[in-house]
C-alpha atoms as a PDB file:
ATOM      1  CA  MET A   1      -5.844 -18.788 -13.448  1.00  0.00           C
ATOM      2  CA  ALA A   2      -6.068 -16.718 -10.286  1.00  0.00           C
ATOM      3  CA  VAL A   3      -7.470 -13.233 -10.594  1.00  0.00           C
ATOM      4  CA  GLY A   4      -5.563 -10.481  -8.802  1.00  0.00           C
ATOM      5  CA  VAL A   5      -7.482  -8.625  -6.113  1.00  0.00           C
ATOM      6  CA  THR A   6      -6.663  -5.062  -5.140  1.00  0.00           C
ATOM      7  CA  ASP A   7      -6.444  -4.366  -1.422  1.00  0.00           C
ATOM      8  CA  LEU A   8      -8.864  -1.445  -1.180  1.00  0.00           C
ATOM      9  CA  SER A   9      -7.614  -0.623   2.313  1.00  0.00           C
ATOM     10  CA  ALA A  10      -4.487   0.726   0.594  1.00  0.00           C
ATOM     11  CA  VAL A  11      -6.611   3.465  -1.001  1.00  0.00           C
ATOM     12  CA  GLU A  12      -6.726   5.243   2.349  1.00  0.00           C
ATOM     13  CA  ASN A  13      -2.952   5.630   2.194  1.00  0.00           C
ATOM     14  CA  ARG A  14      -2.553   6.625  -1.437  1.00  0.00           C
ATOM     15  CA  PHE A  15      -0.338   9.559  -2.345  1.00  0.00           C
ATOM     16  CA  GLU A  16      -0.924  12.534  -4.621  1.00  0.00           C
ATOM     17  CA  ARG A  17       0.794  12.674  -8.023  1.00  0.00           C
ATOM     18  CA  ILE A  18       0.366  16.222  -9.369  1.00  0.00           C
ATOM     19  CA  LEU A  19       1.863  18.009 -12.374  1.00  0.00           C
ATOM     20  CA  ILE A  20       1.785  21.823 -12.486  1.00  0.00           C
ATOM     21  CA  TYR A  21       2.851  23.748 -15.561  1.00  0.00           C
ATOM     22  CA  GLY A  22       2.633  27.193 -17.082  1.00  0.00           C
ATOM     23  CA  ALA A  23       4.547  29.993 -18.751  1.00  0.00           C
ATOM     24  CA  PRO A  24       7.363  31.792 -16.880  1.00  0.00           C
ATOM     25  CA  LYS A  25       6.246  34.121 -14.088  1.00  0.00           C
ATOM     26  CA  THR A  26       2.793  32.607 -13.676  1.00  0.00           C
ATOM     27  CA  GLY A  27       3.407  31.791  -9.994  1.00  0.00           C
ATOM     28  CA  LYS A  28       4.138  28.080 -10.406  1.00  0.00           C
ATOM     29  CA  THR A  29       6.590  27.838  -7.503  1.00  0.00           C
ATOM     30  CA  ARG A  30       4.442  29.771  -5.046  1.00  0.00           C
ATOM     31  CA  PHE A  31       1.402  27.723  -6.040  1.00  0.00           C
ATOM     32  CA  ALA A  32       3.221  24.373  -5.790  1.00  0.00           C
ATOM     33  CA  THR A  33       4.601  25.167  -2.350  1.00  0.00           C
ATOM     34  CA  SER A  34       1.601  26.858  -0.683  1.00  0.00           C
ATOM     35  CA  LEU A  35       0.513  23.594   0.890  1.00  0.00           C
ATOM     36  CA  PRO A  36      -1.609  23.159   4.035  1.00  0.00           C
ATOM     37  CA  PRO A  37      -0.200  21.279   7.052  1.00  0.00           C
ATOM     38  CA  ARG A  38      -1.663  17.904   6.011  1.00  0.00           C
ATOM     39  CA  TRP A  39       1.012  17.791   3.269  1.00  0.00           C
ATOM     40  CA  GLY A  40       3.662  17.701   5.997  1.00  0.00           C
ATOM     41  CA  GLU A  41       7.243  18.833   5.650  1.00  0.00           C
ATOM     42  CA  ILE A  42       8.434  19.233   2.073  1.00  0.00           C
ATOM     43  CA  VAL A  43      11.573  18.195   0.212  1.00  0.00           C
ATOM     44  CA  TYR A  44      12.084  20.903  -2.375  1.00  0.00           C
ATOM     45  CA  VAL A  45      14.303  19.969  -5.333  1.00  0.00           C
ATOM     46  CA  ALA A  46      15.650  23.295  -6.601  1.00  0.00           C
ATOM     47  CA  ALA A  47      16.379  22.504 -10.248  1.00  0.00           C
ATOM     48  CA  ASP A  48      15.798  25.978 -11.680  1.00  0.00           C
ATOM     49  CA  PRO A  49      18.640  28.496 -11.289  1.00  0.00           C
ATOM     50  CA  THR A  50      18.404  30.453  -7.992  1.00  0.00           C
ATOM     51  CA  SER A  51      15.257  28.575  -6.935  1.00  0.00           C
ATOM     52  CA  GLU A  52      17.079  27.323  -3.841  1.00  0.00           C
ATOM     53  CA  ARG A  53      16.765  30.859  -2.420  1.00  0.00           C
ATOM     54  CA  LEU A  54      13.017  30.262  -1.941  1.00  0.00           C
ATOM     55  CA  ASP A  55      12.214  33.783  -3.120  1.00  0.00           C
ATOM     56  CA  SER A  56       8.695  32.752  -4.194  1.00  0.00           C
ATOM     57  CA  ILE A  57       7.793  30.847  -1.035  1.00  0.00           C
ATOM     58  CA  PHE A  58       5.823  32.517   1.750  1.00  0.00           C
ATOM     59  CA  PRO A  59       8.116  33.103   4.785  1.00  0.00           C
ATOM     60  CA  ALA A  60       5.575  31.571   7.172  1.00  0.00           C
ATOM     61  CA  ILE A  61       5.903  28.122   5.586  1.00  0.00           C
ATOM     62  CA  ARG A  62       9.662  28.086   4.930  1.00  0.00           C
ATOM     63  CA  PRO A  63      10.436  26.171   8.163  1.00  0.00           C
ATOM     64  CA  ARG A  64       8.619  23.157   6.658  1.00  0.00           C
ATOM     65  CA  PHE A  65      11.016  23.024   3.694  1.00  0.00           C
ATOM     66  CA  HIS A  66      14.151  20.953   3.177  1.00  0.00           C
ATOM     67  CA  VAL A  67      15.909  22.419   0.138  1.00  0.00           C
ATOM     68  CA  VAL A  68      18.105  20.138  -1.947  1.00  0.00           C
ATOM     69  CA  GLY A  69      19.872  21.522  -4.994  1.00  0.00           C
ATOM     70  CA  SER A  70      20.208  19.689  -8.276  1.00  0.00           C
ATOM     71  CA  ARG A  71      22.685  22.187  -9.676  1.00  0.00           C
ATOM     72  CA  PRO A  72      26.445  22.212  -9.001  1.00  0.00           C
ATOM     73  CA  LYS A  73      28.218  24.365  -6.444  1.00  0.00           C
ATOM     74  CA  ALA A  74      31.476  26.079  -7.334  1.00  0.00           C
ATOM     75  CA  GLY A  75      34.237  23.555  -7.913  1.00  0.00           C
ATOM     76  CA  GLU A  76      31.989  20.488  -7.819  1.00  0.00           C
ATOM     77  CA  LEU A  77      31.914  17.814 -10.472  1.00  0.00           C
ATOM     78  CA  TYR A  78      28.445  17.610 -11.938  1.00  0.00           C
ATOM     79  CA  ASN A  79      26.554  14.871 -13.737  1.00  0.00           C
ATOM     80  CA  PRO A  80      22.939  16.048 -14.147  1.00  0.00           C
ATOM     81  CA  ARG A  81      21.573  12.603 -14.996  1.00  0.00           C
ATOM     82  CA  THR A  82      23.261  10.791 -12.091  1.00  0.00           C
ATOM     83  CA  ASP A  83      22.470  13.500  -9.551  1.00  0.00           C
ATOM     84  CA  ALA A  84      18.801  13.632 -10.576  1.00  0.00           C
ATOM     85  CA  PHE A  85      18.491   9.826 -10.394  1.00  0.00           C
ATOM     86  CA  VAL A  86      19.968   9.853  -6.885  1.00  0.00           C
ATOM     87  CA  MET A  87      17.557  12.536  -5.658  1.00  0.00           C
ATOM     88  CA  ALA A  88      14.548  10.797  -7.189  1.00  0.00           C
ATOM     89  CA  GLN A  89      15.435   7.555  -5.354  1.00  0.00           C
ATOM     90  CA  GLU A  90      16.656   9.001  -2.051  1.00  0.00           C
ATOM     91  CA  THR A  91      14.885   7.693   1.064  1.00  0.00           C
ATOM     92  CA  TRP A  92      13.722  11.127   2.133  1.00  0.00           C
ATOM     93  CA  ARG A  93      11.487   9.881   4.945  1.00  0.00           C
ATOM     94  CA  ALA A  94      14.528   8.308   6.562  1.00  0.00           C
ATOM     95  CA  ARG A  95      16.453  11.579   6.343  1.00  0.00           C
ATOM     96  CA  PHE A  96      13.619  13.871   7.425  1.00  0.00           C
ATOM     97  CA  ALA A  97      11.025  12.245   9.692  1.00  0.00           C
ATOM     98  CA  GLY A  98       8.249  14.763   9.049  1.00  0.00           C
ATOM     99  CA  VAL A  99       8.454  14.728   5.245  1.00  0.00           C
ATOM    100  CA  LYS A 100       5.257  13.859   3.393  1.00  0.00           C
ATOM    101  CA  THR A 101       5.759  15.677   0.075  1.00  0.00           C
ATOM    102  CA  ILE A 102       8.446  16.223  -2.551  1.00  0.00           C
ATOM    103  CA  VAL A 103       8.275  19.171  -4.967  1.00  0.00           C
ATOM    104  CA  TRP A 104      10.495  19.046  -8.090  1.00  0.00           C
ATOM    105  CA  ASP A 105      10.921  22.551  -9.528  1.00  0.00           C
ATOM    106  CA  THR A 106      11.277  22.285 -12.490  1.00  0.00           C
ATOM    107  CA  ILE A 107      11.491  19.026 -14.413  1.00  0.00           C
ATOM    108  CA  THR A 108      12.073  21.180 -17.519  1.00  0.00           C
ATOM    109  CA  ALA A 109      15.332  22.559 -16.107  1.00  0.00           C
ATOM    110  CA  THR A 110      16.412  19.049 -15.119  1.00  0.00           C
ATOM    111  CA  GLY A 111      15.635  17.781 -18.609  1.00  0.00           C
ATOM    112  CA  TRP A 112      17.593  20.561 -20.267  1.00  0.00           C
ATOM    113  CA  ASP A 113      20.620  19.995 -18.005  1.00  0.00           C
ATOM    114  CA  ILE A 114      20.554  16.278 -18.842  1.00  0.00           C
ATOM    115  CA  LEU A 115      20.139  16.979 -22.566  1.00  0.00           C
ATOM    116  CA  VAL A 116      23.151  19.302 -22.645  1.00  0.00           C
ATOM    117  CA  SER A 117      25.252  16.805 -20.692  1.00  0.00           C
ATOM    118  CA  ILE A 118      24.302  13.954 -23.047  1.00  0.00           C
ATOM    119  CA  ALA A 119      25.057  16.081 -26.120  1.00  0.00           C
ATOM    120  CA  ASP A 120      28.470  16.993 -24.737  1.00  0.00           C
ATOM    121  CA  GLN A 121      29.215  13.279 -24.200  1.00  0.00           C
ATOM    122  CA  GLY A 122      28.311  12.630 -27.845  1.00  0.00           C
ATOM    123  CA  SER A 123      27.461   8.956 -27.336  1.00  0.00           C
ATOM    124  CA  PHE A 124      23.682   8.810 -27.856  1.00  0.00           C
ATOM    125  CA  SER A 125      23.260  10.028 -31.425  1.00  0.00           C
ATOM    126  CA  GLU A 126      24.278   8.478 -34.727  1.00  0.00           C
ATOM    127  CA  SER A 127      24.549  11.923 -36.294  1.00  0.00           C
ATOM    128  CA  LYS A 128      27.777  13.841 -35.970  1.00  0.00           C
ATOM    129  CA  HIS A 129      27.497  16.646 -33.444  1.00  0.00           C
ATOM    130  CA  ILE A 130      28.192  20.260 -34.216  1.00  0.00           C
ATOM    131  CA  ILE A 131      30.786  21.210 -31.614  1.00  0.00           C
ATOM    132  CA  MET A 132      31.864  24.632 -30.408  1.00  0.00           C
ATOM    133  CA  GLY A 133      34.890  25.021 -28.187  1.00  0.00           C
ATOM    134  CA  SER A 134      37.533  22.409 -27.457  1.00  0.00           C
ATOM    135  CA  LYS A 135      37.054  18.873 -26.175  1.00  0.00           C
ATOM    136  CA  ALA A 136      37.962  18.231 -22.529  1.00  0.00           C
ATOM    137  CA  THR A 137      37.665  21.948 -21.745  1.00  0.00           C
ATOM    138  CA  LYS A 138      35.027  23.965 -19.957  1.00  0.00           C
ATOM    139  CA  ASP A 139      34.034  25.857 -23.115  1.00  0.00           C
ATOM    140  CA  LEU A 140      32.902  22.692 -24.936  1.00  0.00           C
ATOM    141  CA  GLN A 141      29.402  22.996 -26.358  1.00  0.00           C
ATOM    142  CA  SER A 142      27.698  20.377 -28.532  1.00  0.00           C
ATOM    143  CA  ILE A 143      24.438  21.007 -30.364  1.00  0.00           C
ATOM    144  CA  PRO A 144      21.912  18.302 -29.279  1.00  0.00           C
ATOM    145  CA  MET A 145      20.821  15.860 -31.982  1.00  0.00           C
ATOM    146  CA  GLN A 146      17.703  13.679 -32.229  1.00  0.00           C
ATOM    147  CA  GLY A 147      19.271  10.758 -30.372  1.00  0.00           C
ATOM    148  CA  ASP A 148      20.260  13.068 -27.521  1.00  0.00           C
ATOM    149  CA  TYR A 149      16.662  14.229 -27.109  1.00  0.00           C
ATOM    150  CA  MET A 150      15.455  10.624 -26.992  1.00  0.00           C
ATOM    151  CA  ALA A 151      18.056   9.688 -24.376  1.00  0.00           C
ATOM    152  CA  ALA A 152      17.256  12.740 -22.241  1.00  0.00           C
ATOM    153  CA  GLN A 153      13.519  12.083 -22.410  1.00  0.00           C
ATOM    154  CA  ASN A 154      14.114   8.483 -21.382  1.00  0.00           C
ATOM    155  CA  ALA A 155      16.023   9.787 -18.369  1.00  0.00           C
ATOM    156  CA  ILE A 156      13.127  12.098 -17.432  1.00  0.00           C
ATOM    157  CA  ASP A 157      10.672   9.197 -17.718  1.00  0.00           C
ATOM    158  CA  ARG A 158      12.852   7.086 -15.421  1.00  0.00           C
ATOM    159  CA  ILE A 159      13.203   9.923 -12.897  1.00  0.00           C
ATOM    160  CA  THR A 160       9.416  10.345 -12.878  1.00  0.00           C
ATOM    161  CA  THR A 161       8.937   6.612 -12.327  1.00  0.00           C
ATOM    162  CA  PHE A 162      11.345   6.714  -9.388  1.00  0.00           C
ATOM    163  CA  LEU A 163       9.417   9.648  -7.918  1.00  0.00           C
ATOM    164  CA  PHE A 164       6.126   7.760  -8.250  1.00  0.00           C
ATOM    165  CA  LEU A 165       7.642   4.900  -6.228  1.00  0.00           C
ATOM    166  CA  GLN A 166       8.295   7.260  -3.320  1.00  0.00           C
ATOM    167  CA  PRO A 167       5.954   6.883  -0.314  1.00  0.00           C
ATOM    168  CA  LEU A 168       5.341  10.623  -0.560  1.00  0.00           C
ATOM    169  CA  ASN A 169       3.057  13.094  -2.253  1.00  0.00           C
ATOM    170  CA  VAL A 170       4.786  14.133  -5.483  1.00  0.00           C
ATOM    171  CA  ILE A 171       4.377  17.553  -7.107  1.00  0.00           C
ATOM    172  CA  VAL A 172       6.311  18.131 -10.335  1.00  0.00           C
ATOM    173  CA  VAL A 173       6.562  21.628 -11.836  1.00  0.00           C
ATOM    174  CA  ALA A 174       7.204  22.233 -15.552  1.00  0.00           C
ATOM    175  CA  HIS A 175       7.276  25.024 -18.092  1.00  0.00           C
ATOM    176  CA  GLU A 176       4.760  24.962 -20.906  1.00  0.00           C
ATOM    177  CA  GLY A 177       5.082  24.379 -24.626  1.00  0.00           C
ATOM    178  CA  TYR A 178       3.057  23.128 -27.546  1.00  0.00           C
ATOM    179  CA  LYS A 179       3.312  20.412 -30.175  1.00  0.00           C
ATOM    180  CA  GLU A 180       2.268  20.898 -33.779  1.00  0.00           C
ATOM    181  CA  ALA A 181       1.099  17.886 -35.769  1.00  0.00           C
ATOM    182  CA  GLN A 182      -0.289  17.226 -39.234  1.00  0.00           C
ATOM    183  CA  GLU A 183      -3.603  15.379 -39.104  1.00  0.00           C
ATOM    184  CA  ALA A 184      -5.851  14.748 -42.132  1.00  0.00           C
ATOM    185  CA  GLY A 185      -4.088  17.482 -44.063  1.00  0.00           C
ATOM    186  CA  SER A 186      -4.497  20.150 -41.403  1.00  0.00           C
ATOM    187  CA  LYS A 187      -2.351  21.362 -38.531  1.00  0.00           C
ATOM    188  CA  THR A 188      -3.315  20.622 -34.930  1.00  0.00           C
ATOM    189  CA  LEU A 189      -1.794  21.986 -31.744  1.00  0.00           C
ATOM    190  CA  THR A 190      -1.500  20.370 -28.324  1.00  0.00           C
ATOM    191  CA  GLY A 191      -0.287  22.468 -25.403  1.00  0.00           C
ATOM    192  CA  GLY A 192       1.088  21.020 -22.213  1.00  0.00           C
ATOM    193  CA  PRO A 193       4.100  20.504 -19.931  1.00  0.00           C
ATOM    194  CA  LEU A 194       7.502  20.894 -21.536  1.00  0.00           C
ATOM    195  CA  THR A 195      10.142  18.428 -20.356  1.00  0.00           C
ATOM    196  CA  VAL A 196      12.983  18.015 -22.874  1.00  0.00           C
ATOM    197  CA  GLY A 197      11.188  18.660 -26.153  1.00  0.00           C
ATOM    198  CA  SER A 198       7.666  18.879 -27.482  1.00  0.00           C
ATOM    199  CA  ALA A 199       7.399  15.235 -28.600  1.00  0.00           C
ATOM    200  CA  THR A 200       6.025  13.936 -25.287  1.00  0.00           C
ATOM    201  CA  ILE A 201       3.832  16.853 -24.187  1.00  0.00           C
ATOM    202  CA  GLY A 202       0.667  14.723 -24.203  1.00  0.00           C
ATOM    203  CA  SER A 203       2.149  11.477 -22.917  1.00  0.00           C
ATOM    204  CA  TYR A 204       3.961  13.106 -20.005  1.00  0.00           C
ATOM    205  CA  ALA A 205       0.826  14.920 -18.856  1.00  0.00           C
ATOM    206  CA  GLY A 206      -1.055  11.628 -19.092  1.00  0.00           C
ATOM    207  CA  ARG A 207       1.202  10.007 -16.504  1.00  0.00           C
ATOM    208  CA  PHE A 208      -0.213  12.212 -13.738  1.00  0.00           C
ATOM    209  CA  PRO A 209      -3.668  11.730 -12.188  1.00  0.00           C
ATOM    210  CA  THR A 210      -3.807  15.500 -11.684  1.00  0.00           C
ATOM    211  CA  CYS A 211      -2.494  17.998 -14.239  1.00  0.00           C
ATOM    212  CA  ILE A 212      -2.932  21.726 -13.580  1.00  0.00           C
ATOM    213  CA  ARG A 213      -2.114  24.657 -15.839  1.00  0.00           C
ATOM    214  CA  LEU A 214      -1.510  28.178 -14.527  1.00  0.00           C
ATOM    215  CA  THR A 215      -2.177  31.397 -16.435  1.00  0.00           C
ATOM    216  CA  ARG A 216      -1.534  35.003 -15.492  1.00  0.00           C
ATOM    217  CA  GLN A 217      -3.215  38.192 -16.655  1.00  0.00           C
ATOM    218  CA  SER A 218      -2.554  41.731 -15.488  1.00  0.00           C
ATOM    219  CA  THR A 219      -4.670  44.856 -15.573  1.00  0.00           C
ATOM    220  CA  GLY A 220      -3.305  48.340 -15.002  1.00  0.00           C
ATOM    221  CA  TYR A 221       0.285  49.454 -14.548  1.00  0.00           C
ATOM    222  CA  GLY A 222       2.661  50.173 -11.673  1.00  0.00           C
ATOM    223  CA  LYS A 223       0.972  50.421  -8.286  1.00  0.00           C
ATOM    224  CA  ASP A 224      -2.419  50.022  -9.973  1.00  0.00           C
ATOM    225  CA  ALA A 225      -1.495  46.676 -11.587  1.00  0.00           C
ATOM    226  CA  LYS A 226      -3.678  43.808 -10.454  1.00  0.00           C
ATOM    227  CA  PRO A 227      -2.504  40.337 -11.466  1.00  0.00           C
ATOM    228  CA  LYS A 228      -4.961  37.521 -11.924  1.00  0.00           C
ATOM    229  CA  ILE A 229      -3.466  34.039 -11.611  1.00  0.00           C
ATOM    230  CA  THR A 230      -5.750  31.168 -12.525  1.00  0.00           C
ATOM    231  CA  ALA A 231      -5.420  27.419 -11.999  1.00  0.00           C
ATOM    232  CA  TRP A 232      -7.112  25.304 -14.665  1.00  0.00           C
ATOM    233  CA  THR A 233      -7.966  21.694 -13.823  1.00  0.00           C
ATOM    234  CA  GLU A 234      -9.829  20.994 -17.058  1.00  0.00           C
ATOM    235  CA  THR A 235      -8.517  21.198 -20.622  1.00  0.00           C
ATOM    236  CA  GLN A 236      -9.133  24.598 -22.220  1.00  0.00           C
ATOM    237  CA  ASN A 237      -8.495  25.225 -25.907  1.00  0.00           C
ATOM    238  CA  ILE A 238      -5.245  23.415 -26.741  1.00  0.00           C
ATOM    239  CA  TRP A 239      -3.977  23.257 -23.140  1.00  0.00           C
ATOM    240  CA  LEU A 240      -4.121  19.955 -21.264  1.00  0.00           C
ATOM    241  CA  ALA A 241      -5.405  19.691 -17.689  1.00  0.00           C
ATOM    242  CA  GLY A 242      -7.545  17.386 -15.587  1.00  0.00           C
ATOM    243  CA  ILE A 243      -8.185  15.595 -12.281  1.00  0.00           C
ATOM    244  CA  ARG A 244      -9.037  11.890 -12.061  1.00  0.00           C
ATOM    245  CA  SER A 245     -11.555  11.248  -9.307  1.00  0.00           C
ATOM    246  CA  GLY A 246     -14.766   9.466  -8.451  1.00  0.00           C
ATOM    247  CA  HIS A 247     -16.847  12.621  -8.936  1.00  0.00           C
ATOM    248  CA  ASP A 248     -19.531  12.751 -11.614  1.00  0.00           C
ATOM    249  CA  TYR A 249     -18.099  16.110 -12.652  1.00  0.00           C
ATOM    250  CA  ASN A 250     -15.091  18.197 -11.702  1.00  0.00           C
ATOM    251  CA  PRO A 251     -16.157  20.376  -8.736  1.00  0.00           C
ATOM    252  CA  MET A 252     -13.331  22.885  -9.274  1.00  0.00           C
ATOM    253  CA  PRO A 253     -12.503  23.164 -13.013  1.00  0.00           C
ATOM    254  CA  VAL A 254     -11.034  26.662 -12.704  1.00  0.00           C
ATOM    255  CA  CYS A 255      -9.885  28.574  -9.614  1.00  0.00           C
ATOM    256  CA  ASP A 256      -8.663  32.104  -8.966  1.00  0.00           C
ATOM    257  CA  LEU A 257      -5.491  31.949  -6.842  1.00  0.00           C
ATOM    258  CA  GLN A 258      -5.878  35.394  -5.285  1.00  0.00           C
ATOM    259  CA  PRO A 259      -5.397  36.442  -2.598  1.00  0.00           C
ATOM    260  CA  ASN A 260      -3.600  33.287  -1.413  1.00  0.00           C
ATOM    261  CA  PRO A 261      -2.958  30.102  -3.435  1.00  0.00           C
ATOM    262  CA  ILE A 262      -3.287  27.991  -0.295  1.00  0.00           C
ATOM    263  CA  ASN A 263      -7.046  28.417  -0.749  1.00  0.00           C
ATOM    264  CA  PHE A 264      -6.834  26.193  -3.841  1.00  0.00           C
ATOM    265  CA  TRP A 265      -5.220  23.388  -1.859  1.00  0.00           C
ATOM    266  CA  LEU A 266      -7.732  23.680   0.967  1.00  0.00           C
ATOM    267  CA  GLU A 267     -10.552  23.363  -1.571  1.00  0.00           C
ATOM    268  CA  HIS A 268      -8.684  20.568  -3.364  1.00  0.00           C
ATOM    269  CA  ASP A 269      -8.342  18.630  -0.125  1.00  0.00           C
ATOM    270  CA  ARG A 270     -12.010  19.129   0.653  1.00  0.00           C
ATOM    271  CA  HIS A 271     -12.951  17.373  -2.596  1.00  0.00           C
ATOM    272  CA  PHE A 272     -10.050  15.075  -3.390  1.00  0.00           C
ATOM    273  CA  ALA A 273      -7.890  14.345  -0.322  1.00  0.00           C
ATOM    274  CA  PRO A 274      -7.390  10.629   0.415  1.00  0.00           C
ATOM    275  CA  ALA A 275      -9.700   9.250   3.064  1.00  0.00           C
ATOM    276  CA  GLN A 276      -8.180   9.105   6.520  1.00  0.00           C
ATOM    277  CA  PRO A 277      -8.371   5.998   8.724  1.00  0.00           C
ATOM    278  CA  ALA A 278     -11.413   6.058  10.996  1.00  0.00           C
ATOM    279  CA  GLN A 279      -9.322   6.498  14.134  1.00  0.00           C
ATOM    280  CA  ALA A 280      -7.643   9.612  12.807  1.00  0.00           C
ATOM    281  CA  ARG A 281     -10.879  10.914  11.302  1.00  0.00           C
ATOM    282  CA  GLU A 282     -12.712  10.667  14.601  1.00  0.00           C
ATOM    283  CA  GLY A 283      -9.845  12.086  16.615  1.00  0.00           C
ATOM    284  CA  VAL A 284      -9.567   8.981  18.805  1.00  0.00           C
ATOM    285  CA  SER A 285      -6.228   8.558  20.555  1.00  0.00           C
ATOM    286  CA  GLY A 286      -4.661   5.105  20.787  1.00  0.00           C
END
């Protein structure tokens, strides 16, 4: 039986797969989009409400962004699952020549939109749905059941797989949550990225080579308030984080994001950026 051999030359062209998560207002969007030039132009999937306005993105880097919305415009028919699948599989490099990165902000909002849509369809759960409003009207609202959560999570897993197949750097942003479990008669907690529900907090984080959690603390009030936003790249307490690399130890387990979060990415690239081909590294023109 032949043994498969990995072409190590492909390592020089590998792409980043990064998951960023945290509580609301911890600076996730600004952090995920404050990328140095080597990350190229950026396709920004605006899944959170109003995120397409780019309020959190520094004006100096906005020209590098191509904003695509995953939420409906007035009068448009909307299928969250179908639209998200299309965006995850779009050939973005063919549409925008300079694109090297896609940022999905947030996968939690996408998951919730898909969950609500699936519940309203009422075809993925054996349990009878609790329905408010009238069928075939805009005020219909169905309470999601267990089968709906499973179907929505499956959709998120498929969307993530499609993103990983893109020849682009992939940055996925999520809100945070925690999972409570009973082990050996005692309760345990695991904190991590929230997609549709808490069931897959650990497994979803495990799909990404790099998982980063953001926290925010403030001191003082009003004009004297001084926020401290921190990026954690190692697990702390119940909260999952980590970077897979060839280092003997993580050279940047925790980083202060003030005064500019781009400093994190510059330091990240210094330690973890994929190796460049010799010609590019030496600045030799062809």
